[in-house]
Amino acid sequence: MKLHAMYWSATGTTRKVVREIANVLSAHLGGKVTVHDFTPPEAREAAYSFGKDDLVVFGTPVYAGRVPNVLLPFLKTIAGGGALAVPVVLFGNRNFDDGLIELCGLLEADGFHTIAGAAFVGEHAFSRTLAAGRPDADDLAEARDFAVRIAEKLTHGEGLDTPVAVRGETPLRPYYTPRDRAGQPVNILKVKPKTDPAKCDGCGKCAAVCPMGSIDPGDFRTVKGICIKCCACEKTCPTGAKYFDDPGYLYHKRELELGFARRAENETFL
């Protein structure tokens, strides 16, 4: 069986969990892990196809309770070819809502056969305090245990006939909408990061990590395309030059940090 780790991971949380699971599977089942990182825009221009001898650990983050909608056109182009898949989503300590069941459905529609699934917690994209540092050592230990149980399932050949059942609803619920305390929607769709010229040293790291290719490499203060609020630019900037100052965005960020400060649990499904 050929093992693959395939993921979109703007800030590295999804990458960490997917690769941990894939590496443990490799240790138990044999074979090297081939990595497919489709975070960079150019990586989503390639064609990906798999076959019945492949096992793919497939990860995306959860944005607003769903698979990021900007990824849907690409995800629908992947040819599963009967490969086995382990869908994994990372959520920022609030809830993964229908993100995992949506990813399972997308992979099944692509021709994969989902045999296990998981939702792990990662530091929220907006925040440095909400689920700070996660996935941490305890999370990765859970990921390794999950991988061992997948390997055992494959070795015994039991429970492989039907797609894995995961938590979520069908039909899928709408994307999570932040609201103020009066119940009015907080719209942050058009919000983009700003740059403090006094702090920017022109290193270009923000443009390099933007998964949408939206930061102009010739002028790092210009976000020429859409911003999905992954915050990779802000979290990667070594001088703290990138920031958000939109009142709605800051309100939503603060409400998340106040309302979901408890340690959320990971969930695995076999």
Protein backbone atom coordinates (compact mmCIF):
# COMPACT_ATOMS: atom_id res chain seq x y z
CA MET A 1 0.00 0.00 0.00
CA LYS A 2 1.31 3.43 -0.97
CA LEU A 3 0.93 6.07 1.74
CA HIS A 4 0.20 9.73 1.07
CA ALA A 5 -0.15 12.82 3.26
CA MET A 6 -2.17 15.47 1.44
CA TYR A 7 -3.21 18.75 3.01
CA TRP A 8 -3.93 22.47 2.88
CA SER A 9 -2.36 24.17 5.90
CA ALA A 10 -1.81 27.94 5.92
CA THR A 11 -0.47 28.15 9.49
CA GLY A 12 0.88 24.61 9.84
CA THR A 13 -1.62 23.03 12.24
CA THR A 14 -3.25 20.73 9.68
CA ARG A 15 0.15 19.77 8.27
CA LYS A 16 1.41 18.75 11.72
CA VAL A 17 -1.47 16.38 12.47
CA VAL A 18 -1.76 14.87 8.99
CA ARG A 19 1.94 14.11 8.79
CA GLU A 20 1.99 12.64 12.30
CA ILE A 21 -0.81 10.23 11.39
CA ALA A 22 0.78 9.34 8.05
CA ASN A 23 4.20 8.70 9.60
CA VAL A 24 2.79 6.34 12.23
CA LEU A 25 0.83 4.49 9.56
CA SER A 26 4.06 4.17 7.61
CA ALA A 27 5.82 2.70 10.64
CA HIS A 28 3.09 0.08 11.09
CA LEU A 29 2.23 -0.72 7.49
CA GLY A 30 5.56 -0.13 5.79
CA GLY A 31 6.42 2.11 2.88
CA LYS A 32 7.43 5.75 2.58
CA VAL A 33 5.02 8.65 2.81
CA THR A 34 4.58 10.85 -0.26
CA VAL A 35 3.62 14.40 0.72
CA HIS A 36 1.25 16.57 -1.33
CA ASP A 37 1.01 20.08 0.10
CA PHE A 38 -1.61 21.99 -1.89
CA THR A 39 -1.40 25.15 0.22
CA PRO A 40 0.53 27.20 -2.37
CA PRO A 41 -1.70 28.44 -5.21
CA GLU A 42 0.45 26.81 -7.88
CA ALA A 43 0.07 23.40 -6.21
CA ARG A 44 -3.67 23.55 -6.86
CA GLU A 45 -3.03 23.82 -10.58
CA ALA A 46 -1.67 20.27 -10.73
CA ALA A 47 -3.74 17.15 -11.40
CA TYR A 48 -3.85 14.56 -8.63
CA SER A 49 -5.00 10.99 -9.11
CA PHE A 50 -4.79 7.88 -6.96
CA GLY A 51 -5.64 4.20 -7.21
CA LYS A 52 -6.71 1.17 -5.21
CA ASP A 53 -3.21 0.61 -3.83
CA ASP A 54 -3.13 4.05 -2.20
CA LEU A 55 -3.99 5.24 1.31
CA VAL A 56 -4.33 9.02 1.63
CA VAL A 57 -4.42 10.93 4.91
CA PHE A 58 -6.22 14.06 3.70
CA GLY A 59 -6.45 17.25 5.73
CA THR A 60 -8.01 20.71 5.59
CA PRO A 61 -8.82 23.29 8.23
CA VAL A 62 -12.37 24.19 9.18
CA TYR A 63 -13.41 27.78 8.45
CA ALA A 64 -16.79 28.87 9.84
CA GLY A 65 -17.71 25.26 10.48
CA ARG A 66 -17.11 24.02 6.95
CA VAL A 67 -14.36 23.12 4.50
CA PRO A 68 -13.00 26.46 3.18
CA ASN A 69 -15.15 27.27 0.16
CA VAL A 70 -12.16 28.54 -1.83
CA LEU A 71 -10.87 24.96 -1.88
CA LEU A 72 -14.02 23.34 -3.25
CA PRO A 73 -13.28 23.76 -6.99
CA PHE A 74 -9.85 22.16 -6.53
CA LEU A 75 -11.06 19.37 -4.27
CA LYS A 76 -13.62 18.32 -6.86
CA THR A 77 -10.87 17.75 -9.45
CA ILE A 78 -9.01 15.06 -7.50
CA ALA A 79 -9.44 11.52 -8.83
CA GLY A 80 -9.68 9.03 -5.98
CA GLY A 81 -9.70 5.93 -8.16
CA GLY A 82 -10.83 3.68 -5.32
CA ALA A 83 -8.05 4.75 -2.94
CA LEU A 84 -8.59 4.54 0.80
CA ALA A 85 -8.77 7.89 2.59
CA VAL A 86 -8.61 9.23 6.12
CA PRO A 87 -10.18 12.71 6.16
CA VAL A 88 -8.85 14.98 8.91
CA VAL A 89 -9.99 18.51 9.79
CA LEU A 90 -8.44 21.05 12.14
CA PHE A 91 -10.69 23.49 14.01
CA GLY A 92 -9.87 26.50 16.15
CA ASN A 93 -11.36 25.39 19.48
CA ARG A 94 -14.96 26.43 18.73
CA ASN A 95 -16.49 23.50 16.81
CA PHE A 96 -15.92 21.65 13.58
CA ASP A 97 -19.69 21.68 12.87
CA ASP A 98 -20.13 20.01 9.44
CA GLY A 99 -16.52 20.37 8.28
CA LEU A 100 -15.60 16.72 8.71
CA ILE A 101 -18.77 15.24 7.24
CA GLU A 102 -18.39 17.65 4.32
CA LEU A 103 -14.80 16.55 3.67
CA CYS A 104 -15.86 12.91 3.87
CA GLY A 105 -18.57 13.55 1.29
CA LEU A 106 -16.22 15.39 -1.04
CA LEU A 107 -13.68 12.57 -0.95
CA GLU A 108 -16.33 9.89 -1.47
CA ALA A 109 -17.67 11.87 -4.45
CA ASP A 110 -14.10 11.99 -5.83
CA GLY A 111 -13.89 8.20 -5.79
CA PHE A 112 -12.11 7.66 -2.46
CA HIS A 113 -13.30 5.20 0.17
CA THR A 114 -13.18 6.80 3.62
CA ILE A 115 -12.23 4.32 6.35
CA ALA A 116 -11.64 6.66 9.32
CA GLY A 117 -11.94 10.34 10.12
CA ALA A 118 -10.87 12.86 12.73
CA ALA A 119 -11.29 16.43 13.92
CA PHE A 120 -8.32 17.87 15.81
CA VAL A 121 -7.89 21.21 17.53
CA GLY A 122 -5.36 23.74 16.24
CA GLU A 123 -4.56 27.27 17.32
CA HIS A 124 -7.26 29.53 15.90
CA ALA A 125 -6.16 31.42 12.82
CA PHE A 126 -7.29 34.76 14.26
CA SER A 127 -5.70 34.35 17.67
CA ARG A 128 -2.49 33.62 19.52
CA THR A 129 -4.35 32.72 22.71
CA LEU A 130 -7.32 30.59 21.55
CA ALA A 131 -6.01 27.00 21.60
CA ALA A 132 -2.53 28.48 21.75
CA GLY A 133 0.19 26.08 20.64
CA ARG A 134 -2.20 23.35 19.60
CA PRO A 135 -1.86 20.73 18.32
CA ASP A 136 0.36 20.17 21.36
CA ALA A 137 2.10 17.08 22.68
CA ASP A 138 -1.14 15.59 24.01
CA ASP A 139 -2.91 16.17 20.68
CA LEU A 140 -0.10 14.52 18.75
CA ALA A 141 -0.20 11.56 21.13
CA GLU A 142 -3.90 11.20 20.27
CA ALA A 143 -3.04 11.42 16.58
CA ARG A 144 -0.51 8.61 16.96
CA ASP A 145 -3.01 6.43 18.83
CA PHE A 146 -5.58 7.11 16.11
CA ALA A 147 -3.08 6.02 13.46
CA VAL A 148 -2.32 2.79 15.32
CA ARG A 149 -6.04 1.97 15.44
CA ILE A 150 -6.35 2.66 11.70
CA ALA A 151 -3.42 0.30 11.05
CA GLU A 152 -5.11 -2.38 13.17
CA LYS A 153 -8.36 -1.91 11.28
CA LEU A 154 -6.56 -2.35 7.97
CA THR A 155 -4.62 -5.37 9.20
CA HIS A 156 -7.76 -7.13 10.38
CA GLY A 157 -9.73 -6.06 7.33
CA GLU A 158 -12.86 -5.43 9.37
CA GLY A 159 -15.32 -2.58 8.93
CA LEU A 160 -13.94 -1.52 5.56
CA ASP A 161 -17.08 -2.08 3.51
CA THR A 162 -18.93 1.14 4.32
CA PRO A 163 -17.77 4.76 4.55
CA VAL A 164 -16.81 5.92 8.03
CA ALA A 165 -19.63 7.52 10.01
CA VAL A 166 -18.62 10.89 11.47
CA ARG A 167 -20.35 13.63 13.43
CA GLY A 168 -22.16 16.25 11.37
CA GLU A 169 -25.41 16.93 9.60
CA THR A 170 -26.71 16.35 6.08
CA PRO A 171 -27.84 18.41 4.36
CA LEU A 172 -24.93 20.56 5.44
CA ARG A 173 -25.71 23.54 7.62
CA PRO A 174 -24.80 27.07 6.46
CA TYR A 175 -21.40 28.51 7.29
CA TYR A 176 -21.14 29.79 10.85
CA THR A 177 -22.03 33.48 11.00
CA PRO A 178 -20.53 35.65 13.74
CA ARG A 179 -23.04 37.96 15.42
CA ASP A 180 -22.87 40.88 17.79
CA ARG A 181 -24.64 40.85 21.14
CA ALA A 182 -27.76 42.26 19.54
CA GLY A 183 -27.86 39.24 17.23
CA GLN A 184 -26.85 41.13 14.11
CA PRO A 185 -24.42 39.47 11.66
CA VAL A 186 -20.82 40.66 11.72
CA ASN A 187 -19.58 40.70 8.12
CA ILE A 188 -15.81 40.34 7.79
CA LEU A 189 -15.71 38.86 4.28
CA LYS A 190 -14.00 41.88 2.70
CA VAL A 191 -11.60 42.56 5.57
CA LYS A 192 -7.91 42.51 4.61
CA PRO A 193 -4.72 42.84 6.65
CA LYS A 194 -2.80 46.09 6.80
CA THR A 195 0.92 46.75 6.99
CA ASP A 196 2.76 49.03 9.39
CA PRO A 197 5.41 50.65 7.16
CA ALA A 198 7.52 51.48 10.18
CA LYS A 199 7.85 47.79 11.02
CA CYS A 200 7.96 46.20 7.55
CA ASP A 201 11.52 45.36 6.49
CA GLY A 202 10.52 44.08 3.05
CA CYS A 203 11.45 40.44 3.72
CA GLY A 204 8.57 39.17 1.57
CA LYS A 205 7.58 36.30 3.86
CA CYS A 206 3.96 37.45 3.91
CA ALA A 207 3.65 37.17 0.14
CA ALA A 208 5.40 33.81 0.13
CA VAL A 209 3.00 32.21 2.63
CA CYS A 210 -0.28 33.67 1.35
CA PRO A 211 -2.21 30.60 0.13
CA MET A 212 -4.29 32.70 -2.24
CA GLY A 213 -1.33 34.51 -3.80
CA SER A 214 -3.09 37.75 -2.90
CA ILE A 215 -0.19 39.78 -1.47
CA ASP A 216 1.67 41.70 -4.14
CA PRO A 217 5.34 40.56 -4.03
CA GLY A 218 6.31 43.95 -5.43
CA ASP A 219 4.43 45.88 -2.75
CA PHE A 220 3.78 43.93 0.43
CA ARG A 221 1.29 46.50 1.66
CA THR A 222 -1.07 45.66 -1.21
CA VAL A 223 -3.49 42.73 -0.96
CA LYS A 224 -4.53 42.50 -4.58
CA GLY A 225 -6.77 39.44 -4.31
CA ILE A 226 -9.18 37.94 -1.83
CA CYS A 227 -8.24 37.47 1.82
CA ILE A 228 -9.63 34.39 3.53
CA LYS A 229 -8.42 35.47 6.99
CA CYS A 230 -6.09 32.47 7.39
CA CYS A 231 -3.72 34.94 9.08
CA ALA A 232 -0.64 33.19 7.73
CA CYS A 233 0.85 36.57 6.82
CA GLU A 234 0.24 38.04 10.26
CA LYS A 235 1.56 35.01 12.13
CA THR A 236 4.58 34.61 9.86
CA CYS A 237 5.70 38.26 9.81
CA PRO A 238 8.91 38.39 11.87
CA THR A 239 8.54 42.09 12.73
CA GLY A 240 4.82 42.23 13.54
CA ALA A 241 4.14 44.53 10.60
CA LYS A 242 0.95 42.76 9.49
CA TYR A 243 -2.21 43.47 11.47
CA PHE A 244 -6.01 43.73 11.30
CA ASP A 245 -7.84 46.77 12.59
CA ASP A 246 -11.38 46.26 11.30
CA PRO A 247 -13.78 46.71 14.26
CA GLY A 248 -16.01 43.80 13.25
CA TYR A 249 -13.05 41.46 12.88
CA LEU A 250 -11.59 42.50 16.23
CA TYR A 251 -14.98 42.12 17.91
CA HIS A 252 -15.43 38.62 16.51
CA LYS A 253 -11.89 37.65 17.52
CA ARG A 254 -12.47 38.88 21.06
CA GLU A 255 -15.82 37.08 21.36
CA LEU A 256 -14.22 33.81 20.22
CA GLU A 257 -11.42 34.17 22.74
CA LEU A 258 -13.89 34.90 25.56
CA GLY A 259 -16.54 32.37 24.62
CA PHE A 260 -14.44 29.35 23.69
CA ALA A 261 -11.49 29.51 26.06
CA ARG A 262 -12.04 25.95 27.37
CA ARG A 263 -9.86 23.19 26.04
CA ALA A 264 -11.88 21.63 23.24
CA GLU A 265 -11.49 17.90 22.67
CA ASN A 266 -10.36 16.10 19.55
CA GLU A 267 -12.73 13.57 18.03
CA THR A 268 -11.84 10.46 16.07
CA PHE A 269 -14.05 8.05 14.13
CA LEU A 270 -13.32 4.53 12.96
